[in-house]
């Protein structure tokens, strides 16, 4: 992360005016690292990121529909197992 300001300069790009951090309370170490971006203001981006993630792309919508069809085909006792497997990343 510390190299980003230098890379931007090399590319002829201006540094960001605002930096958005996810999480309501970045750690002290994270604040210190982010303050190394000269001329940038640190902003809590949690709300904006949550809002952006709430909008689903057509691809994400198709996955949700496909999973919904899969779960409807399973016996009720297997719904919980299928949901748990998805949650665990299987």
PDB file of N, CA and C in Angstrom:
ATOM      1  N   UNK A   1       0.822  -1.176   0.000  1.00  0.00           N
ATOM      2  CA  UNK A   1       0.000   0.000   0.000  1.00  0.00           C
ATOM      3  C   UNK A   1       0.877   1.256   0.000  1.00  0.00           C
ATOM      4  N   UNK A   2       1.987   1.184   0.672  1.00  0.00           N
ATOM      5  CA  UNK A   2       2.852   2.352   0.788  1.00  0.00           C
ATOM      6  C   UNK A   2       3.417   2.785  -0.559  1.00  0.00           C
ATOM      7  N   UNK A   3       3.444   1.883  -1.530  1.00  0.00           N
ATOM      8  CA  UNK A   3       4.007   2.198  -2.833  1.00  0.00           C
ATOM      9  C   UNK A   3       3.017   2.888  -3.763  1.00  0.00           C
ATOM     10  N   UNK A   4       1.752   2.887  -3.427  1.00  0.00           N
ATOM     11  CA  UNK A   4       0.729   3.434  -4.323  1.00  0.00           C
ATOM     12  C   UNK A   4       0.963   4.906  -4.662  1.00  0.00           C
ATOM     13  N   UNK A   5       1.269   5.801  -3.693  1.00  0.00           N
ATOM     14  CA  UNK A   5       1.507   7.201  -4.087  1.00  0.00           C
ATOM     15  C   UNK A   5       2.626   7.334  -5.120  1.00  0.00           C
ATOM     16  N   UNK A   6       3.715   6.592  -4.967  1.00  0.00           N
ATOM     17  CA  UNK A   6       4.813   6.643  -5.932  1.00  0.00           C
ATOM     18  C   UNK A   6       4.404   6.118  -7.295  1.00  0.00           C
ATOM     19  N   UNK A   7       3.649   5.050  -7.318  1.00  0.00           N
ATOM     20  CA  UNK A   7       3.178   4.479  -8.582  1.00  0.00           C
ATOM     21  C   UNK A   7       2.274   5.478  -9.300  1.00  0.00           C
ATOM     22  N   UNK A   8       1.379   6.116  -8.554  1.00  0.00           N
ATOM     23  CA  UNK A   8       0.503   7.121  -9.158  1.00  0.00           C
ATOM     24  C   UNK A   8       1.317   8.262  -9.767  1.00  0.00           C
ATOM     25  N   UNK A   9       2.342   8.727  -9.037  1.00  0.00           N
ATOM     26  CA  UNK A   9       3.211   9.792  -9.562  1.00  0.00           C
ATOM     27  C   UNK A   9       3.886   9.360 -10.852  1.00  0.00           C
ATOM     28  N   UNK A  10       4.429   8.128 -10.875  1.00  0.00           N
ATOM     29  CA  UNK A  10       5.092   7.615 -12.070  1.00  0.00           C
ATOM     30  C   UNK A  10       4.150   7.562 -13.262  1.00  0.00           C
ATOM     31  N   UNK A  11       2.891   7.296 -13.012  1.00  0.00           N
ATOM     32  CA  UNK A  11       1.894   7.220 -14.082  1.00  0.00           C
ATOM     33  C   UNK A  11       1.325   8.595 -14.443  1.00  0.00           C
ATOM     34  N   UNK A  12       1.797   9.619 -13.736  1.00  0.00           N
ATOM     35  CA  UNK A  12       1.309  10.968 -14.006  1.00  0.00           C
ATOM     36  C   UNK A  12      -0.086  11.220 -13.473  1.00  0.00           C
ATOM     37  N   UNK A  13      -0.487  10.443 -12.493  1.00  0.00           N
ATOM     38  CA  UNK A  13      -1.833  10.579 -11.924  1.00  0.00           C
ATOM     39  C   UNK A  13      -1.747  11.325 -10.594  1.00  0.00           C
ATOM     40  N   UNK A  14      -2.746  12.134 -10.353  1.00  0.00           N
ATOM     41  CA  UNK A  14      -2.810  12.883  -9.101  1.00  0.00           C
ATOM     42  C   UNK A  14      -3.189  11.934  -7.966  1.00  0.00           C
ATOM     43  N   UNK A  15      -2.705  12.214  -6.755  1.00  0.00           N
ATOM     44  CA  UNK A  15      -3.123  11.383  -5.620  1.00  0.00           C
ATOM     45  C   UNK A  15      -4.612  11.563  -5.353  1.00  0.00           C
ATOM     46  N   UNK A  16      -5.187  10.560  -4.756  1.00  0.00           N
ATOM     47  CA  UNK A  16      -6.618  10.613  -4.435  1.00  0.00           C
ATOM     48  C   UNK A  16      -6.887  11.703  -3.400  1.00  0.00           C
ATOM     49  N   UNK A  17      -7.989  12.423  -3.584  1.00  0.00           N
ATOM     50  CA  UNK A  17      -8.375  13.436  -2.595  1.00  0.00           C
ATOM     51  C   UNK A  17      -8.939  12.768  -1.355  1.00  0.00           C
ATOM     52  N   UNK A  18      -9.678  11.688  -1.564  1.00  0.00           N
ATOM     53  CA  UNK A  18     -10.326  10.975  -0.467  1.00  0.00           C
ATOM     54  C   UNK A  18      -9.954   9.502  -0.523  1.00  0.00           C
ATOM     55  N   UNK A  19      -9.693   8.922   0.632  1.00  0.00           N
ATOM     56  CA  UNK A  19      -9.472   7.490   0.756  1.00  0.00           C
ATOM     57  C   UNK A  19     -10.610   6.929   1.593  1.00  0.00           C
ATOM     58  N   UNK A  20     -11.227   5.855   1.100  1.00  0.00           N
ATOM     59  CA  UNK A  20     -12.304   5.229   1.846  1.00  0.00           C
ATOM     60  C   UNK A  20     -11.790   3.981   2.524  1.00  0.00           C
ATOM     61  N   UNK A  21     -11.998   3.891   3.809  1.00  0.00           N
ATOM     62  CA  UNK A  21     -11.609   2.701   4.566  1.00  0.00           C
ATOM     63  C   UNK A  21     -12.870   1.937   4.945  1.00  0.00           C
ATOM     64  N   UNK A  22     -12.813   0.625   4.778  1.00  0.00           N
ATOM     65  CA  UNK A  22     -13.932  -0.202   5.189  1.00  0.00           C
ATOM     66  C   UNK A  22     -13.758  -0.543   6.653  1.00  0.00           C
ATOM     67  N   UNK A  23     -14.823  -0.475   7.366  1.00  0.00           N
ATOM     68  CA  UNK A  23     -14.770  -0.760   8.800  1.00  0.00           C
ATOM     69  C   UNK A  23     -14.987   0.522   9.572  1.00  0.00           C
ATOM     70  N   UNK A  24     -15.780   0.435  10.604  1.00  0.00           N
ATOM     71  CA  UNK A  24     -16.116   1.629  11.372  1.00  0.00           C
ATOM     72  C   UNK A  24     -14.952   2.142  12.190  1.00  0.00           C
ATOM     73  N   UNK A  25     -14.049   1.267  12.555  1.00  0.00           N
ATOM     74  CA  UNK A  25     -12.934   1.686  13.402  1.00  0.00           C
ATOM     75  C   UNK A  25     -11.640   1.046  12.930  1.00  0.00           C
ATOM     76  N   UNK A  26     -10.969   1.678  11.947  1.00  0.00           N
ATOM     77  CA  UNK A  26      -9.674   1.120  11.540  1.00  0.00           C
ATOM     78  C   UNK A  26      -8.704   1.122  12.725  1.00  0.00           C
ATOM     79  N   UNK A  27      -7.801   0.164  12.747  1.00  0.00           N
ATOM     80  CA  UNK A  27      -6.818   0.093  13.823  1.00  0.00           C
ATOM     81  C   UNK A  27      -5.867   1.277  13.733  1.00  0.00           C
ATOM     82  N   UNK A  28      -5.148   1.529  14.803  1.00  0.00           N
ATOM     83  CA  UNK A  28      -4.176   2.618  14.838  1.00  0.00           C
ATOM     84  C   UNK A  28      -3.125   2.415  13.746  1.00  0.00           C
ATOM     85  N   UNK A  29      -2.679   1.188  13.575  1.00  0.00           N
ATOM     86  CA  UNK A  29      -1.670   0.890  12.543  1.00  0.00           C
ATOM     87  C   UNK A  29      -2.215   1.184  11.151  1.00  0.00           C
ATOM     88  N   UNK A  30      -3.486   0.845  10.921  1.00  0.00           N
ATOM     89  CA  UNK A  30      -4.090   1.094   9.613  1.00  0.00           C
ATOM     90  C   UNK A  30      -4.235   2.596   9.358  1.00  0.00           C
ATOM     91  N   UNK A  31      -4.662   3.347  10.374  1.00  0.00           N
ATOM     92  CA  UNK A  31      -4.758   4.810  10.235  1.00  0.00           C
ATOM     93  C   UNK A  31      -3.398   5.387   9.883  1.00  0.00           C
ATOM     94  N   UNK A  32      -2.361   4.926  10.551  1.00  0.00           N
ATOM     95  CA  UNK A  32      -1.010   5.431  10.308  1.00  0.00           C
ATOM     96  C   UNK A  32      -0.582   5.141   8.875  1.00  0.00           C
ATOM     97  N   UNK A  33      -0.854   3.956   8.404  1.00  0.00           N
ATOM     98  CA  UNK A  33      -0.501   3.600   7.023  1.00  0.00           C
ATOM     99  C   UNK A  33      -1.261   4.460   6.027  1.00  0.00           C
ATOM    100  N   UNK A  34      -2.543   4.652   6.265  1.00  0.00           N
ATOM    101  CA  UNK A  34      -3.354   5.426   5.324  1.00  0.00           C
ATOM    102  C   UNK A  34      -2.981   6.908   5.336  1.00  0.00           C
ATOM    103  N   UNK A  35      -2.466   7.400   6.441  1.00  0.00           N
ATOM    104  CA  UNK A  35      -2.077   8.805   6.521  1.00  0.00           C
ATOM    105  C   UNK A  35      -0.822   9.095   5.707  1.00  0.00           C
ATOM    106  N   UNK A  36      -0.168   8.073   5.204  1.00  0.00           N
ATOM    107  CA  UNK A  36       1.011   8.263   4.361  1.00  0.00           C
ATOM    108  C   UNK A  36       0.649   8.740   2.961  1.00  0.00           C
ATOM    109  N   UNK A  37      -0.618   8.739   2.637  1.00  0.00           N
ATOM    110  CA  UNK A  37      -1.063   9.240   1.345  1.00  0.00           C
ATOM    111  C   UNK A  37      -1.153  10.761   1.449  1.00  0.00           C
ATOM    112  N   UNK A  38      -0.166  11.488   0.905  1.00  0.00           N
ATOM    113  CA  UNK A  38      -0.153  12.940   1.070  1.00  0.00           C
ATOM    114  C   UNK A  38      -1.354  13.612   0.417  1.00  0.00           C
ATOM    115  N   UNK A  39      -1.922  14.566   1.131  1.00  0.00           N
ATOM    116  CA  UNK A  39      -3.035  15.344   0.594  1.00  0.00           C
ATOM    117  C   UNK A  39      -4.355  14.619   0.525  1.00  0.00           C
ATOM    118  N   UNK A  40      -4.433  13.434   1.076  1.00  0.00           N
ATOM    119  CA  UNK A  40      -5.678  12.667   1.027  1.00  0.00           C
ATOM    120  C   UNK A  40      -6.381  12.718   2.368  1.00  0.00           C
ATOM    121  N   UNK A  41      -7.694  12.713   2.285  1.00  0.00           N
ATOM    122  CA  UNK A  41      -8.533  12.719   3.490  1.00  0.00           C
ATOM    123  C   UNK A  41      -9.115  11.324   3.660  1.00  0.00           C
ATOM    124  N   UNK A  42      -9.038  10.790   4.870  1.00  0.00           N
ATOM    125  CA  UNK A  42      -9.549   9.454   5.163  1.00  0.00           C
ATOM    126  C   UNK A  42     -11.026   9.524   5.526  1.00  0.00           C
ATOM    127  N   UNK A  43     -11.821   8.705   4.860  1.00  0.00           N
ATOM    128  CA  UNK A  43     -13.276   8.694   5.043  1.00  0.00           C
ATOM    129  C   UNK A  43     -13.715   7.277   5.392  1.00  0.00           C
ATOM    130  N   UNK A  44     -14.679   7.151   6.298  1.00  0.00           N
ATOM    131  CA  UNK A  44     -15.269   5.852   6.607  1.00  0.00           C
ATOM    132  C   UNK A  44     -16.170   5.460   5.438  1.00  0.00           C
ATOM    133  N   UNK A  45     -15.790   4.434   4.720  1.00  0.00           N
ATOM    134  CA  UNK A  45     -16.540   4.015   3.543  1.00  0.00           C
ATOM    135  C   UNK A  45     -17.471   2.850   3.770  1.00  0.00           C
ATOM    136  N   UNK A  46     -17.695   2.453   5.006  1.00  0.00           N
ATOM    137  CA  UNK A  46     -18.526   1.277   5.290  1.00  0.00           C
ATOM    138  C   UNK A  46     -19.915   1.387   4.681  1.00  0.00           C
ATOM    139  N   UNK A  47     -20.575   2.524   4.871  1.00  0.00           N
ATOM    140  CA  UNK A  47     -21.942   2.683   4.371  1.00  0.00           C
ATOM    141  C   UNK A  47     -21.963   2.613   2.842  1.00  0.00           C
ATOM    142  N   UNK A  48     -21.051   3.330   2.196  1.00  0.00           N
ATOM    143  CA  UNK A  48     -21.016   3.339   0.727  1.00  0.00           C
ATOM    144  C   UNK A  48     -20.721   1.953   0.174  1.00  0.00           C
ATOM    145  N   UNK A  49     -19.812   1.230   0.812  1.00  0.00           N
ATOM    146  CA  UNK A  49     -19.483  -0.116   0.347  1.00  0.00           C
ATOM    147  C   UNK A  49     -20.645  -1.082   0.560  1.00  0.00           C
ATOM    148  N   UNK A  50     -21.329  -0.963   1.701  1.00  0.00           N
ATOM    149  CA  UNK A  50     -22.503  -1.821   1.939  1.00  0.00           C
ATOM    150  C   UNK A  50     -23.575  -1.550   0.896  1.00  0.00           C
ATOM    151  N   UNK A  51     -23.776  -0.275   0.593  1.00  0.00           N
ATOM    152  CA  UNK A  51     -24.787   0.089  -0.399  1.00  0.00           C
ATOM    153  C   UNK A  51     -24.409  -0.459  -1.776  1.00  0.00           C
ATOM    154  N   UNK A  52     -23.134  -0.323  -2.145  1.00  0.00           N
ATOM    155  CA  UNK A  52     -22.679  -0.838  -3.443  1.00  0.00           C
ATOM    156  C   UNK A  52     -22.832  -2.357  -3.513  1.00  0.00           C
ATOM    157  N   UNK A  53     -22.525  -3.038  -2.432  1.00  0.00           N
ATOM    158  CA  UNK A  53     -22.631  -4.507  -2.406  1.00  0.00           C
ATOM    159  C   UNK A  53     -24.074  -4.975  -2.415  1.00  0.00           C
ATOM    160  N   UNK A  54     -24.998  -4.121  -2.028  1.00  0.00           N
ATOM    161  CA  UNK A  54     -26.403  -4.525  -1.994  1.00  0.00           C
ATOM    162  C   UNK A  54     -27.002  -4.572  -3.396  1.00  0.00           C
ATOM    163  N   UNK A  55     -26.372  -3.919  -4.361  1.00  0.00           N
ATOM    164  CA  UNK A  55     -26.841  -3.943  -5.744  1.00  0.00           C
ATOM    165  C   UNK A  55     -26.190  -5.135  -6.428  1.00  0.00           C
ATOM    166  N   UNK A  56     -27.011  -6.027  -6.924  1.00  0.00           N
ATOM    167  CA  UNK A  56     -26.503  -7.254  -7.526  1.00  0.00           C
ATOM    168  C   UNK A  56     -26.412  -7.123  -9.039  1.00  0.00           C
ATOM    169  N   UNK A  57     -25.312  -7.612  -9.597  1.00  0.00           N
ATOM    170  CA  UNK A  57     -25.133  -7.631 -11.048  1.00  0.00           C
ATOM    171  C   UNK A  57     -26.025  -8.728 -11.626  1.00  0.00           C
ATOM    172  N   UNK A  58     -26.269  -8.692 -12.940  1.00  0.00           N
ATOM    173  CA  UNK A  58     -27.045  -9.779 -13.548  1.00  0.00           C
ATOM    174  C   UNK A  58     -26.428 -11.155 -13.280  1.00  0.00           C
ATOM    175  N   UNK A  59     -25.104 -11.242 -13.263  1.00  0.00           N
ATOM    176  CA  UNK A  59     -24.446 -12.523 -12.971  1.00  0.00           C
ATOM    177  C   UNK A  59     -24.768 -12.980 -11.548  1.00  0.00           C
ATOM    178  N   UNK A  60     -24.657 -12.071 -10.572  1.00  0.00           N
ATOM    179  CA  UNK A  60     -24.968 -12.429  -9.185  1.00  0.00           C
ATOM    180  C   UNK A  60     -26.429 -12.833  -9.050  1.00  0.00           C
ATOM    181  N   UNK A  61     -27.319 -12.137  -9.751  1.00  0.00           N
ATOM    182  CA  UNK A  61     -28.744 -12.481  -9.712  1.00  0.00           C
ATOM    183  C   UNK A  61     -28.968 -13.884 -10.258  1.00  0.00           C
ATOM    184  N   UNK A  62     -28.244 -14.243 -11.331  1.00  0.00           N
ATOM    185  CA  UNK A  62     -28.413 -15.590 -11.901  1.00  0.00           C
ATOM    186  C   UNK A  62     -27.945 -16.655 -10.915  1.00  0.00           C
ATOM    187  N   UNK A  63     -26.862 -16.369 -10.175  1.00  0.00           N
ATOM    188  CA  UNK A  63     -26.393 -17.332  -9.167  1.00  0.00           C
ATOM    189  C   UNK A  63     -27.415 -17.495  -8.051  1.00  0.00           C
ATOM    190  N   UNK A  64     -28.014 -16.392  -7.624  1.00  0.00           N
ATOM    191  CA  UNK A  64     -29.026 -16.449  -6.569  1.00  0.00           C
ATOM    192  C   UNK A  64     -30.220 -17.273  -7.033  1.00  0.00           C
ATOM    193  N   UNK A  65     -30.665 -17.028  -8.280  1.00  0.00           N
ATOM    194  CA  UNK A  65     -31.801 -17.793  -8.809  1.00  0.00           C
ATOM    195  C   UNK A  65     -31.462 -19.278  -8.907  1.00  0.00           C
ATOM    196  N   UNK A  66     -30.253 -19.573  -9.408  1.00  0.00           N
ATOM    197  CA  UNK A  66     -29.846 -20.975  -9.561  1.00  0.00           C
ATOM    198  C   UNK A  66     -29.784 -21.670  -8.205  1.00  0.00           C
ATOM    199  N   UNK A  67     -29.230 -20.998  -7.209  1.00  0.00           N
ATOM    200  CA  UNK A  67     -29.171 -21.581  -5.877  1.00  0.00           C
ATOM    201  C   UNK A  67     -30.575 -21.778  -5.318  1.00  0.00           C
ATOM    202  N   UNK A  68     -31.460 -20.811  -5.567  1.00  0.00           N
ATOM    203  CA  UNK A  68     -32.846 -20.935  -5.103  1.00  0.00           C
ATOM    204  C   UNK A  68     -33.534 -22.153  -5.691  1.00  0.00           C
ATOM    205  N   UNK A  69     -33.300 -22.396  -6.978  1.00  0.00           N
ATOM    206  CA  UNK A  69     -33.896 -23.583  -7.614  1.00  0.00           C
ATOM    207  C   UNK A  69     -33.310 -24.864  -7.016  1.00  0.00           C
ATOM    208  N   UNK A  70     -32.017 -24.862  -6.739  1.00  0.00           N
ATOM    209  CA  UNK A  70     -31.366 -26.035  -6.162  1.00  0.00           C
ATOM    210  C   UNK A  70     -31.939 -26.350  -4.790  1.00  0.00           C
ATOM    211  N   UNK A  71     -32.089 -25.330  -3.963  1.00  0.00           N
ATOM    212  CA  UNK A  71     -32.593 -25.531  -2.602  1.00  0.00           C
ATOM    213  C   UNK A  71     -34.040 -25.995  -2.623  1.00  0.00           C
ATOM    214  N   UNK A  72     -34.861 -25.476  -3.537  1.00  0.00           N
ATOM    215  CA  UNK A  72     -36.266 -25.902  -3.623  1.00  0.00           C
ATOM    216  C   UNK A  72     -36.388 -27.371  -3.962  1.00  0.00           C
ATOM    217  N   UNK A  73     -35.393 -27.917  -4.665  1.00  0.00           N
ATOM    218  CA  UNK A  73     -35.449 -29.331  -5.070  1.00  0.00           C
ATOM    219  C   UNK A  73     -35.028 -30.278  -3.959  1.00  0.00           C
ATOM    220  N   UNK A  74     -34.426 -29.771  -2.924  1.00  0.00           N
ATOM    221  CA  UNK A  74     -33.950 -30.627  -1.843  1.00  0.00           C
ATOM    222  C   UNK A  74     -35.043 -30.872  -0.814  1.00  0.00           C
ATOM    223  N   UNK A  75     -35.023 -32.034  -0.175  1.00  0.00           N
ATOM    224  CA  UNK A  75     -35.933 -32.250   0.952  1.00  0.00           C
ATOM    225  C   UNK A  75     -35.646 -31.222   2.043  1.00  0.00           C
ATOM    226  N   UNK A  76     -36.633 -30.886   2.822  1.00  0.00           N
ATOM    227  CA  UNK A  76     -36.499 -29.839   3.839  1.00  0.00           C
ATOM    228  C   UNK A  76     -35.310 -30.059   4.764  1.00  0.00           C
ATOM    229  N   UNK A  77     -35.036 -31.310   5.125  1.00  0.00           N
ATOM    230  CA  UNK A  77     -33.928 -31.586   6.044  1.00  0.00           C
ATOM    231  C   UNK A  77     -32.573 -31.251   5.419  1.00  0.00           C
ATOM    232  N   UNK A  78     -32.488 -31.237   4.102  1.00  0.00           N
ATOM    233  CA  UNK A  78     -31.221 -30.952   3.434  1.00  0.00           C
ATOM    234  C   UNK A  78     -31.029 -29.463   3.164  1.00  0.00           C
ATOM    235  N   UNK A  79     -32.074 -28.659   3.303  1.00  0.00           N
ATOM    236  CA  UNK A  79     -31.935 -27.214   3.091  1.00  0.00           C
ATOM    237  C   UNK A  79     -30.863 -26.632   3.991  1.00  0.00           C
ATOM    238  N   UNK A  80     -30.923 -27.013   5.247  1.00  0.00           N
ATOM    239  CA  UNK A  80     -29.960 -26.488   6.215  1.00  0.00           C
ATOM    240  C   UNK A  80     -28.548 -26.889   5.830  1.00  0.00           C
ATOM    241  N   UNK A  81     -28.355 -28.126   5.401  1.00  0.00           N
ATOM    242  CA  UNK A  81     -27.029 -28.588   4.993  1.00  0.00           C
ATOM    243  C   UNK A  81     -26.528 -27.825   3.772  1.00  0.00           C
ATOM    244  N   UNK A  82     -27.415 -27.592   2.814  1.00  0.00           N
ATOM    245  CA  UNK A  82     -27.026 -26.870   1.602  1.00  0.00           C
ATOM    246  C   UNK A  82     -26.660 -25.429   1.930  1.00  0.00           C
ATOM    247  N   UNK A  83     -27.438 -24.785   2.760  1.00  0.00           N
ATOM    248  CA  UNK A  83     -27.139 -23.404   3.149  1.00  0.00           C
ATOM    249  C   UNK A  83     -25.830 -23.335   3.922  1.00  0.00           C
ATOM    250  N   UNK A  84     -25.599 -24.289   4.808  1.00  0.00           N
ATOM    251  CA  UNK A  84     -24.356 -24.305   5.580  1.00  0.00           C
ATOM    252  C   UNK A  84     -23.155 -24.529   4.664  1.00  0.00           C
ATOM    253  N   UNK A  85     -23.303 -25.424   3.687  1.00  0.00           N
ATOM    254  CA  UNK A  85     -22.201 -25.686   2.750  1.00  0.00           C
ATOM    255  C   UNK A  85     -21.879 -24.441   1.944  1.00  0.00           C
ATOM    256  N   UNK A  86     -22.890 -23.697   1.502  1.00  0.00           N
ATOM    257  CA  UNK A  86     -22.656 -22.453   0.764  1.00  0.00           C
ATOM    258  C   UNK A  86     -21.970 -21.438   1.653  1.00  0.00           C
ATOM    259  N   UNK A  87     -22.414 -21.350   2.896  1.00  0.00           N
ATOM    260  CA  UNK A  87     -21.831 -20.395   3.834  1.00  0.00           C
ATOM    261  C   UNK A  87     -20.374 -20.728   4.097  1.00  0.00           C
ATOM    262  N   UNK A  88     -20.044 -22.020   4.188  1.00  0.00           N
ATOM    263  CA  UNK A  88     -18.682 -22.459   4.466  1.00  0.00           C
ATOM    264  C   UNK A  88     -17.799 -22.438   3.229  1.00  0.00           C
ATOM    265  N   UNK A  89     -18.382 -22.101   2.073  1.00  0.00           N
ATOM    266  CA  UNK A  89     -17.602 -22.012   0.847  1.00  0.00           C
ATOM    267  C   UNK A  89     -17.418 -23.312   0.098  1.00  0.00           C
ATOM    268  N   UNK A  90     -18.282 -24.284   0.333  1.00  0.00           N
ATOM    269  CA  UNK A  90     -18.173 -25.575  -0.380  1.00  0.00           C
ATOM    270  C   UNK A  90     -19.056 -25.589  -1.589  1.00  0.00           C
TER     271      UNK A  90
END
